Amino acid sequence: MAVHDDCKLKFMELKAKRNFRFIIFKIDENVQQVIIDKLGQPNQSYEDFTLAFPANECRYAVFDFDFITDEHCQKSKIFFISWAPDASKVRSKMLYASSKDKFKRELDGIQVELQATDPSEMSFDIVIGEGVDRSDLEDWNSVERGAEAALDSEMSTSSMEITPKL
């Protein structure tokens, strides 16, 4: 499976220049190549990211996840998500699964990988649990710009407050 040069270039911009919050990739089956599907602007939230996935088609994605440690250090981790919803075609699932490792090798700097078949498998809590040690966080909800709107209902039972990092 070939990878379009734009995929690598935009990933480098996300990683080094922080021009994007996320990138969603798809496989163009006509030319057997991974291409960019959507680019998330730096001010977009994790909720915007999860809503950008199609309900019945596979995708790959990277998300630049920001957080602040107890020591008041700004940190970032780049997540790779392989999205293969149950409603997608079996052929598509097989194509994405067989191409994933080669594609990931093209994106140097991925720190955490998730696989999801429905939105609950890539919820904000799952991302926190997989990629960030909560004991390292100043306020575990200050991890991502725009998280406030996405998590109000989920976090209402928590004693911690949401303080997005801008």
N, C-alpha and C. Protein backbone atom coordinates (compact mmCIF):
# COMPACT_ATOMS: atom_id res chain seq x y z
N MET A 1 0.85 -1.18 0.00
CA MET A 1 0.00 0.00 0.00
C MET A 1 0.89 1.23 0.00
N ALA A 2 0.70 2.09 -0.96
CA ALA A 2 1.47 3.33 -1.04
C ALA A 2 0.89 4.37 -0.09
N VAL A 3 1.73 5.32 0.30
CA VAL A 3 1.32 6.42 1.17
C VAL A 3 1.62 7.71 0.42
N HIS A 4 0.59 8.51 0.21
CA HIS A 4 0.77 9.79 -0.49
C HIS A 4 1.70 10.69 0.32
N ASP A 5 2.56 11.43 -0.37
CA ASP A 5 3.53 12.30 0.29
C ASP A 5 2.87 13.32 1.22
N ASP A 6 1.67 13.79 0.87
CA ASP A 6 0.97 14.76 1.71
C ASP A 6 0.70 14.20 3.11
N CYS A 7 0.49 12.91 3.20
CA CYS A 7 0.24 12.29 4.51
C CYS A 7 1.44 12.50 5.42
N LYS A 8 2.62 12.24 4.89
CA LYS A 8 3.84 12.40 5.69
C LYS A 8 4.12 13.87 5.99
N LEU A 9 3.92 14.73 5.00
CA LEU A 9 4.18 16.16 5.19
C LEU A 9 3.24 16.78 6.23
N LYS A 10 1.97 16.47 6.14
CA LYS A 10 1.00 17.03 7.09
C LYS A 10 1.23 16.47 8.50
N PHE A 11 1.64 15.20 8.58
CA PHE A 11 1.96 14.63 9.89
C PHE A 11 3.16 15.35 10.50
N MET A 12 4.17 15.65 9.70
CA MET A 12 5.34 16.38 10.19
C MET A 12 4.92 17.78 10.67
N GLU A 13 3.99 18.41 9.97
CA GLU A 13 3.49 19.72 10.40
C GLU A 13 2.74 19.60 11.73
N LEU A 14 1.95 18.55 11.88
CA LEU A 14 1.24 18.33 13.14
C LEU A 14 2.24 18.15 14.27
N LYS A 15 3.25 17.36 14.03
CA LYS A 15 4.22 17.02 15.06
C LYS A 15 5.16 18.18 15.39
N ALA A 16 5.71 18.84 14.39
CA ALA A 16 6.72 19.86 14.62
C ALA A 16 6.15 21.27 14.75
N LYS A 17 5.25 21.62 13.88
CA LYS A 17 4.73 22.99 13.86
C LYS A 17 3.40 23.14 14.59
N ARG A 18 2.75 22.00 14.87
CA ARG A 18 1.47 21.99 15.56
C ARG A 18 0.40 22.77 14.79
N ASN A 19 0.45 22.64 13.46
CA ASN A 19 -0.51 23.30 12.59
C ASN A 19 -1.88 22.64 12.60
N PHE A 20 -1.94 21.41 13.08
CA PHE A 20 -3.18 20.66 13.08
C PHE A 20 -3.37 19.97 14.44
N ARG A 21 -4.63 19.77 14.83
CA ARG A 21 -4.95 19.03 16.05
C ARG A 21 -5.02 17.54 15.71
N PHE A 22 -5.57 17.24 14.52
CA PHE A 22 -5.69 15.84 14.11
C PHE A 22 -5.66 15.73 12.60
N ILE A 23 -5.38 14.51 12.15
CA ILE A 23 -5.45 14.18 10.73
C ILE A 23 -6.16 12.84 10.62
N ILE A 24 -7.14 12.78 9.74
CA ILE A 24 -7.82 11.52 9.46
C ILE A 24 -7.42 11.11 8.04
N PHE A 25 -7.02 9.84 7.92
CA PHE A 25 -6.54 9.30 6.65
C PHE A 25 -7.51 8.23 6.16
N LYS A 26 -7.56 8.06 4.85
CA LYS A 26 -8.35 6.96 4.29
C LYS A 26 -7.55 6.31 3.16
N ILE A 27 -7.94 5.10 2.84
CA ILE A 27 -7.32 4.41 1.72
C ILE A 27 -8.17 4.63 0.49
N ASP A 28 -7.54 5.18 -0.54
CA ASP A 28 -8.20 5.33 -1.84
C ASP A 28 -7.99 4.00 -2.56
N GLU A 29 -9.04 3.20 -2.61
CA GLU A 29 -8.91 1.85 -3.17
C GLU A 29 -8.67 1.86 -4.67
N ASN A 30 -9.04 2.94 -5.36
CA ASN A 30 -8.82 3.02 -6.81
C ASN A 30 -7.34 3.07 -7.16
N VAL A 31 -6.55 3.74 -6.32
CA VAL A 31 -5.11 3.86 -6.60
C VAL A 31 -4.26 3.13 -5.56
N GLN A 32 -4.94 2.43 -4.63
CA GLN A 32 -4.25 1.67 -3.57
C GLN A 32 -3.23 2.55 -2.85
N GLN A 33 -3.74 3.66 -2.29
CA GLN A 33 -2.88 4.63 -1.64
C GLN A 33 -3.59 5.25 -0.44
N VAL A 34 -2.83 5.48 0.65
CA VAL A 34 -3.37 6.19 1.81
C VAL A 34 -3.30 7.68 1.50
N ILE A 35 -4.43 8.36 1.70
CA ILE A 35 -4.51 9.80 1.44
C ILE A 35 -5.14 10.49 2.66
N ILE A 36 -5.06 11.82 2.67
CA ILE A 36 -5.68 12.59 3.75
C ILE A 36 -7.17 12.73 3.49
N ASP A 37 -7.96 12.48 4.53
CA ASP A 37 -9.40 12.63 4.45
C ASP A 37 -9.82 13.97 5.07
N LYS A 38 -9.34 14.25 6.30
CA LYS A 38 -9.71 15.48 7.00
C LYS A 38 -8.54 15.99 7.83
N LEU A 39 -8.46 17.30 7.94
CA LEU A 39 -7.46 17.96 8.79
C LEU A 39 -8.19 18.74 9.87
N GLY A 40 -7.80 18.54 11.12
CA GLY A 40 -8.40 19.27 12.23
C GLY A 40 -7.55 20.46 12.60
N GLN A 41 -8.16 21.61 12.69
CA GLN A 41 -7.44 22.83 13.03
C GLN A 41 -7.00 22.81 14.50
N PRO A 42 -5.97 23.58 14.86
CA PRO A 42 -5.43 23.53 16.22
C PRO A 42 -6.44 23.82 17.33
N ASN A 43 -7.49 24.57 17.03
CA ASN A 43 -8.48 24.92 18.06
C ASN A 43 -9.60 23.90 18.18
N GLN A 44 -9.57 22.84 17.39
CA GLN A 44 -10.63 21.84 17.46
C GLN A 44 -10.42 20.89 18.64
N SER A 45 -11.52 20.37 19.14
CA SER A 45 -11.50 19.54 20.35
C SER A 45 -11.44 18.05 20.02
N TYR A 46 -11.31 17.27 21.07
CA TYR A 46 -11.35 15.82 20.91
C TYR A 46 -12.73 15.38 20.42
N GLU A 47 -13.77 16.07 20.86
CA GLU A 47 -15.12 15.75 20.38
C GLU A 47 -15.22 16.00 18.88
N ASP A 48 -14.66 17.12 18.40
CA ASP A 48 -14.65 17.39 16.96
C ASP A 48 -13.97 16.25 16.21
N PHE A 49 -12.87 15.78 16.78
CA PHE A 49 -12.12 14.68 16.19
C PHE A 49 -12.99 13.43 16.09
N THR A 50 -13.62 13.02 17.18
CA THR A 50 -14.41 11.78 17.15
C THR A 50 -15.62 11.90 16.24
N LEU A 51 -16.18 13.09 16.12
CA LEU A 51 -17.33 13.29 15.23
C LEU A 51 -16.94 13.30 13.75
N ALA A 52 -15.66 13.42 13.46
CA ALA A 52 -15.19 13.48 12.07
C ALA A 52 -15.07 12.08 11.43
N PHE A 53 -15.22 11.02 12.22
CA PHE A 53 -15.13 9.67 11.68
C PHE A 53 -16.45 9.25 11.05
N PRO A 54 -16.40 8.61 9.89
CA PRO A 54 -17.64 8.09 9.29
C PRO A 54 -18.15 6.88 10.10
N ALA A 55 -19.44 6.72 10.15
CA ALA A 55 -20.04 5.66 10.96
C ALA A 55 -19.85 4.27 10.36
N ASN A 56 -19.64 4.20 9.04
CA ASN A 56 -19.60 2.88 8.40
C ASN A 56 -18.40 2.67 7.48
N GLU A 57 -17.34 3.45 7.67
CA GLU A 57 -16.13 3.29 6.86
C GLU A 57 -14.90 3.31 7.75
N CYS A 58 -13.91 2.52 7.38
CA CYS A 58 -12.66 2.46 8.14
C CYS A 58 -11.82 3.70 7.88
N ARG A 59 -10.98 4.03 8.86
CA ARG A 59 -10.05 5.15 8.74
C ARG A 59 -8.86 4.92 9.66
N TYR A 60 -7.78 5.64 9.36
CA TYR A 60 -6.66 5.79 10.28
C TYR A 60 -6.70 7.25 10.73
N ALA A 61 -6.15 7.53 11.90
CA ALA A 61 -6.11 8.91 12.36
C ALA A 61 -4.97 9.11 13.34
N VAL A 62 -4.51 10.35 13.42
CA VAL A 62 -3.57 10.76 14.46
C VAL A 62 -4.17 11.96 15.17
N PHE A 63 -3.94 12.02 16.47
CA PHE A 63 -4.46 13.11 17.29
C PHE A 63 -3.34 13.61 18.19
N ASP A 64 -3.11 14.92 18.20
CA ASP A 64 -2.10 15.55 19.04
C ASP A 64 -2.76 15.91 20.37
N PHE A 65 -2.40 15.18 21.41
CA PHE A 65 -3.05 15.26 22.71
C PHE A 65 -2.19 16.06 23.68
N ASP A 66 -2.66 17.22 24.10
CA ASP A 66 -1.92 18.11 25.00
C ASP A 66 -2.37 17.92 26.45
N PHE A 67 -1.43 18.03 27.37
CA PHE A 67 -1.77 18.00 28.78
C PHE A 67 -0.68 18.70 29.58
N ILE A 68 -0.99 19.00 30.85
CA ILE A 68 -0.05 19.67 31.75
C ILE A 68 0.20 18.74 32.93
N THR A 69 1.47 18.52 33.27
CA THR A 69 1.83 17.63 34.36
C THR A 69 1.71 18.34 35.71
N ASP A 70 1.83 17.57 36.78
CA ASP A 70 1.85 18.14 38.13
C ASP A 70 2.96 19.17 38.29
N GLU A 71 4.03 18.98 37.55
CA GLU A 71 5.18 19.90 37.62
C GLU A 71 4.98 21.12 36.73
N HIS A 72 3.75 21.30 36.20
CA HIS A 72 3.39 22.43 35.35
C HIS A 72 4.16 22.43 34.03
N CYS A 73 4.48 21.25 33.54
CA CYS A 73 5.15 21.12 32.24
C CYS A 73 4.11 20.78 31.18
N GLN A 74 4.17 21.52 30.08
CA GLN A 74 3.28 21.22 28.97
C GLN A 74 3.84 20.02 28.22
N LYS A 75 3.01 19.02 27.98
CA LYS A 75 3.43 17.83 27.26
C LYS A 75 2.41 17.52 26.18
N SER A 76 2.84 16.69 25.27
CA SER A 76 1.98 16.28 24.16
C SER A 76 2.31 14.83 23.81
N LYS A 77 1.28 14.09 23.45
CA LYS A 77 1.47 12.73 22.94
C LYS A 77 0.66 12.61 21.66
N ILE A 78 1.24 11.91 20.71
CA ILE A 78 0.54 11.70 19.44
C ILE A 78 -0.05 10.30 19.44
N PHE A 79 -1.37 10.26 19.31
CA PHE A 79 -2.10 9.00 19.28
C PHE A 79 -2.36 8.59 17.84
N PHE A 80 -2.25 7.30 17.57
CA PHE A 80 -2.65 6.72 16.29
C PHE A 80 -3.88 5.88 16.57
N ILE A 81 -4.94 6.12 15.81
CA ILE A 81 -6.17 5.36 16.00
C ILE A 81 -6.53 4.67 14.70
N SER A 82 -6.77 3.39 14.83
CA SER A 82 -7.25 2.58 13.71
C SER A 82 -8.75 2.39 13.92
N TRP A 83 -9.56 2.97 13.04
CA TRP A 83 -11.01 2.96 13.17
C TRP A 83 -11.59 1.95 12.18
N ALA A 84 -12.25 0.92 12.69
CA ALA A 84 -12.88 -0.10 11.85
C ALA A 84 -14.25 -0.42 12.44
N PRO A 85 -15.24 0.41 12.16
CA PRO A 85 -16.56 0.20 12.77
C PRO A 85 -17.20 -1.11 12.32
N ASP A 86 -18.01 -1.66 13.18
CA ASP A 86 -18.68 -2.92 12.88
C ASP A 86 -19.49 -2.85 11.58
N ALA A 87 -20.02 -1.67 11.26
CA ALA A 87 -20.86 -1.52 10.07
C ALA A 87 -20.06 -1.43 8.77
N SER A 88 -18.74 -1.36 8.85
CA SER A 88 -17.95 -1.26 7.61
C SER A 88 -17.86 -2.61 6.91
N LYS A 89 -17.50 -2.56 5.64
CA LYS A 89 -17.41 -3.79 4.83
C LYS A 89 -16.22 -4.63 5.28
N VAL A 90 -16.40 -5.93 5.23
CA VAL A 90 -15.35 -6.87 5.65
C VAL A 90 -14.08 -6.65 4.82
N ARG A 91 -14.23 -6.45 3.52
CA ARG A 91 -13.08 -6.21 2.64
C ARG A 91 -12.29 -4.98 3.09
N SER A 92 -13.00 -3.94 3.46
CA SER A 92 -12.36 -2.71 3.92
C SER A 92 -11.61 -2.94 5.23
N LYS A 93 -12.24 -3.66 6.15
CA LYS A 93 -11.58 -3.97 7.43
C LYS A 93 -10.28 -4.73 7.20
N MET A 94 -10.33 -5.70 6.28
CA MET A 94 -9.13 -6.49 5.99
C MET A 94 -8.04 -5.63 5.36
N LEU A 95 -8.41 -4.74 4.45
CA LEU A 95 -7.45 -3.86 3.79
C LEU A 95 -6.78 -2.94 4.80
N TYR A 96 -7.56 -2.33 5.67
CA TYR A 96 -6.99 -1.43 6.68
C TYR A 96 -6.12 -2.19 7.68
N ALA A 97 -6.57 -3.36 8.10
CA ALA A 97 -5.78 -4.15 9.06
C ALA A 97 -4.45 -4.58 8.46
N SER A 98 -4.44 -4.98 7.20
CA SER A 98 -3.21 -5.46 6.58
C SER A 98 -2.25 -4.33 6.21
N SER A 99 -2.73 -3.12 6.11
CA SER A 99 -1.90 -1.98 5.72
C SER A 99 -1.43 -1.14 6.90
N LYS A 100 -2.00 -1.36 8.07
CA LYS A 100 -1.77 -0.49 9.23
C LYS A 100 -0.30 -0.38 9.62
N ASP A 101 0.38 -1.49 9.80
CA ASP A 101 1.76 -1.44 10.29
C ASP A 101 2.68 -0.70 9.32
N LYS A 102 2.52 -0.95 8.04
CA LYS A 102 3.35 -0.25 7.05
C LYS A 102 3.08 1.26 7.09
N PHE A 103 1.81 1.62 7.20
CA PHE A 103 1.47 3.04 7.25
C PHE A 103 2.04 3.70 8.51
N LYS A 104 1.88 3.04 9.65
CA LYS A 104 2.41 3.59 10.91
C LYS A 104 3.91 3.83 10.84
N ARG A 105 4.65 2.96 10.17
CA ARG A 105 6.10 3.15 10.04
C ARG A 105 6.45 4.42 9.28
N GLU A 106 5.54 4.87 8.44
CA GLU A 106 5.76 6.11 7.67
C GLU A 106 5.60 7.35 8.55
N LEU A 107 4.93 7.21 9.68
CA LEU A 107 4.64 8.33 10.58
C LEU A 107 5.51 8.22 11.83
N ASP A 108 6.69 8.75 11.76
CA ASP A 108 7.63 8.66 12.88
C ASP A 108 7.22 9.62 14.00
N GLY A 109 7.00 9.07 15.19
CA GLY A 109 6.66 9.91 16.32
C GLY A 109 5.36 9.54 17.00
N ILE A 110 4.72 8.48 16.56
CA ILE A 110 3.49 8.03 17.21
C ILE A 110 3.86 7.41 18.55
N GLN A 111 3.16 7.81 19.59
CA GLN A 111 3.49 7.34 20.93
C GLN A 111 2.49 6.36 21.51
N VAL A 112 1.24 6.44 21.08
CA VAL A 112 0.20 5.57 21.62
C VAL A 112 -0.68 5.11 20.46
N GLU A 113 -1.07 3.84 20.50
CA GLU A 113 -1.95 3.30 19.47
C GLU A 113 -3.23 2.77 20.09
N LEU A 114 -4.35 3.09 19.45
CA LEU A 114 -5.65 2.57 19.84
C LEU A 114 -6.33 1.95 18.63
N GLN A 115 -7.14 0.92 18.88
CA GLN A 115 -7.98 0.35 17.84
C GLN A 115 -9.41 0.47 18.32
N ALA A 116 -10.28 0.94 17.43
CA ALA A 116 -11.67 1.16 17.83
C ALA A 116 -12.63 0.64 16.77
N THR A 117 -13.71 0.02 17.25
CA THR A 117 -14.76 -0.45 16.36
C THR A 117 -16.07 0.30 16.61
N ASP A 118 -16.13 1.03 17.72
CA ASP A 118 -17.27 1.92 17.96
C ASP A 118 -16.77 3.10 18.82
N PRO A 119 -17.52 4.19 18.85
CA PRO A 119 -17.04 5.40 19.52
C PRO A 119 -16.64 5.21 20.98
N SER A 120 -17.28 4.28 21.68
CA SER A 120 -16.94 4.09 23.09
C SER A 120 -15.50 3.59 23.28
N GLU A 121 -14.95 2.94 22.27
CA GLU A 121 -13.60 2.41 22.37
C GLU A 121 -12.52 3.47 22.15
N MET A 122 -12.94 4.68 21.80
CA MET A 122 -11.98 5.78 21.71
C MET A 122 -12.51 7.01 22.45
N SER A 123 -13.27 6.74 23.51
CA SER A 123 -13.78 7.84 24.33
C SER A 123 -12.62 8.58 24.97
N PHE A 124 -12.90 9.76 25.46
CA PHE A 124 -11.86 10.57 26.08
C PHE A 124 -11.24 9.85 27.27
N ASP A 125 -12.05 9.14 28.05
CA ASP A 125 -11.53 8.40 29.21
C ASP A 125 -10.58 7.29 28.78
N ILE A 126 -10.89 6.63 27.68
CA ILE A 126 -10.01 5.57 27.16
C ILE A 126 -8.67 6.18 26.74
N VAL A 127 -8.73 7.31 26.06
CA VAL A 127 -7.51 7.98 25.61
C VAL A 127 -6.65 8.37 26.81
N ILE A 128 -7.27 8.93 27.83
CA ILE A 128 -6.54 9.28 29.06
C ILE A 128 -5.91 8.03 29.67
N GLY A 129 -6.69 6.98 29.78
CA GLY A 129 -6.21 5.76 30.40
C GLY A 129 -5.08 5.10 29.64
N GLU A 130 -5.10 5.18 28.32
CA GLU A 130 -4.08 4.53 27.50
C GLU A 130 -2.80 5.35 27.39
N GLY A 131 -2.93 6.66 27.36
CA GLY A 131 -1.78 7.45 27.00
C GLY A 131 -1.16 8.32 28.06
N VAL A 132 -1.91 8.60 29.12
CA VAL A 132 -1.42 9.55 30.10
C VAL A 132 -1.57 8.95 31.48
N ASP A 133 -0.53 8.98 32.26
CA ASP A 133 -0.59 8.53 33.64
C ASP A 133 -1.26 9.63 34.44
N ARG A 134 -2.44 9.36 34.96
CA ARG A 134 -3.21 10.40 35.66
C ARG A 134 -2.44 10.99 36.84
N SER A 135 -1.56 10.22 37.42
CA SER A 135 -0.79 10.76 38.55
C SER A 135 0.19 11.84 38.10
N ASP A 136 0.48 11.90 36.80
CA ASP A 136 1.38 12.93 36.28
C ASP A 136 0.66 14.24 35.99
N LEU A 137 -0.65 14.23 36.06
CA LEU A 137 -1.41 15.41 35.65
C LEU A 137 -1.70 16.34 36.81
N GLU A 138 -1.58 17.63 36.51
CA GLU A 138 -1.90 18.68 37.47
C GLU A 138 -3.38 18.61 37.78
N ASP A 139 -4.19 18.59 36.77
CA ASP A 139 -5.63 18.47 36.85
C ASP A 139 -5.98 17.61 35.65
N TRP A 140 -6.32 16.39 35.86
CA TRP A 140 -6.38 15.44 34.75
C TRP A 140 -7.31 15.87 33.64
N ASN A 141 -8.16 16.84 33.88
CA ASN A 141 -9.05 17.32 32.83
C ASN A 141 -8.50 18.54 32.10
N SER A 142 -7.30 18.97 32.43
CA SER A 142 -6.73 20.11 31.71
C SER A 142 -5.85 19.62 30.58
N VAL A 143 -6.20 18.49 30.03
CA VAL A 143 -5.33 17.82 29.08
C VAL A 143 -5.54 18.19 27.64
N GLU A 144 -6.58 18.91 27.31
CA GLU A 144 -6.85 19.06 25.90
C GLU A 144 -7.70 20.30 25.66
N ARG A 145 -7.29 21.10 24.68
CA ARG A 145 -8.05 22.29 24.33
C ARG A 145 -9.44 21.90 23.87
N GLY A 146 -10.43 22.55 24.40
CA GLY A 146 -11.80 22.31 23.97
C GLY A 146 -12.48 21.13 24.63
N ALA A 147 -11.86 20.51 25.60
CA ALA A 147 -12.45 19.33 26.23
C ALA A 147 -13.68 19.69 27.05
N GLU A 148 -13.78 20.90 27.46
CA GLU A 148 -14.87 21.33 28.33
C GLU A 148 -16.23 20.95 27.77
N ALA A 149 -16.50 21.30 26.54
CA ALA A 149 -17.81 21.02 25.96
C ALA A 149 -18.03 19.53 25.78
N ALA A 150 -16.99 18.81 25.42
CA ALA A 150 -17.13 17.39 25.14
C ALA A 150 -17.39 16.57 26.38
N LEU A 151 -16.94 17.03 27.52
CA LEU A 151 -16.98 16.18 28.70
C LEU A 151 -17.89 16.64 29.81
N ASP A 152 -18.58 17.75 29.64
CA ASP A 152 -19.42 18.27 30.72
C ASP A 152 -20.32 17.20 31.32
N SER A 153 -21.03 16.47 30.47
CA SER A 153 -21.97 15.48 31.01
C SER A 153 -21.25 14.31 31.65
N GLU A 154 -20.14 13.85 31.07
CA GLU A 154 -19.41 12.71 31.63
C GLU A 154 -18.74 13.06 32.95
N MET A 155 -18.26 14.29 33.07
CA MET A 155 -17.46 14.66 34.22
C MET A 155 -18.28 15.28 35.34
N SER A 156 -19.59 15.41 35.17
CA SER A 156 -20.40 16.07 36.20
C SER A 156 -20.36 15.33 37.52
N THR A 157 -20.07 14.04 37.50
CA THR A 157 -20.00 13.27 38.74
C THR A 157 -18.60 13.29 39.35
N SER A 158 -17.65 13.86 38.64
CA SER A 158 -16.28 13.89 39.12
C SER A 158 -16.08 15.10 40.03
N SER A 159 -15.14 15.00 40.94
CA SER A 159 -14.84 16.12 41.83
C SER A 159 -13.79 17.05 41.21
N MET A 160 -13.27 16.69 40.05
CA MET A 160 -12.28 17.53 39.40
C MET A 160 -12.96 18.47 38.42
N GLU A 161 -12.32 19.59 38.15
CA GLU A 161 -12.87 20.56 37.23
C GLU A 161 -12.16 20.48 35.89
N ILE A 162 -12.87 20.86 34.84
CA ILE A 162 -12.27 20.88 33.52
C ILE A 162 -11.65 22.24 33.30
N THR A 163 -10.38 22.24 32.99
CA THR A 163 -9.65 23.47 32.71
C THR A 163 -8.83 23.25 31.46
N PRO A 164 -9.41 23.52 30.28
CA PRO A 164 -8.67 23.27 29.05
C PRO A 164 -7.40 24.13 28.95
N LYS A 165 -6.39 23.55 28.40
CA LYS A 165 -5.14 24.26 28.17
C LYS A 165 -5.23 24.92 26.82
N LEU A 166 -4.97 26.19 26.75
CA LEU A 166 -5.04 26.90 25.46
C LEU A 166 -3.71 27.16 24.90
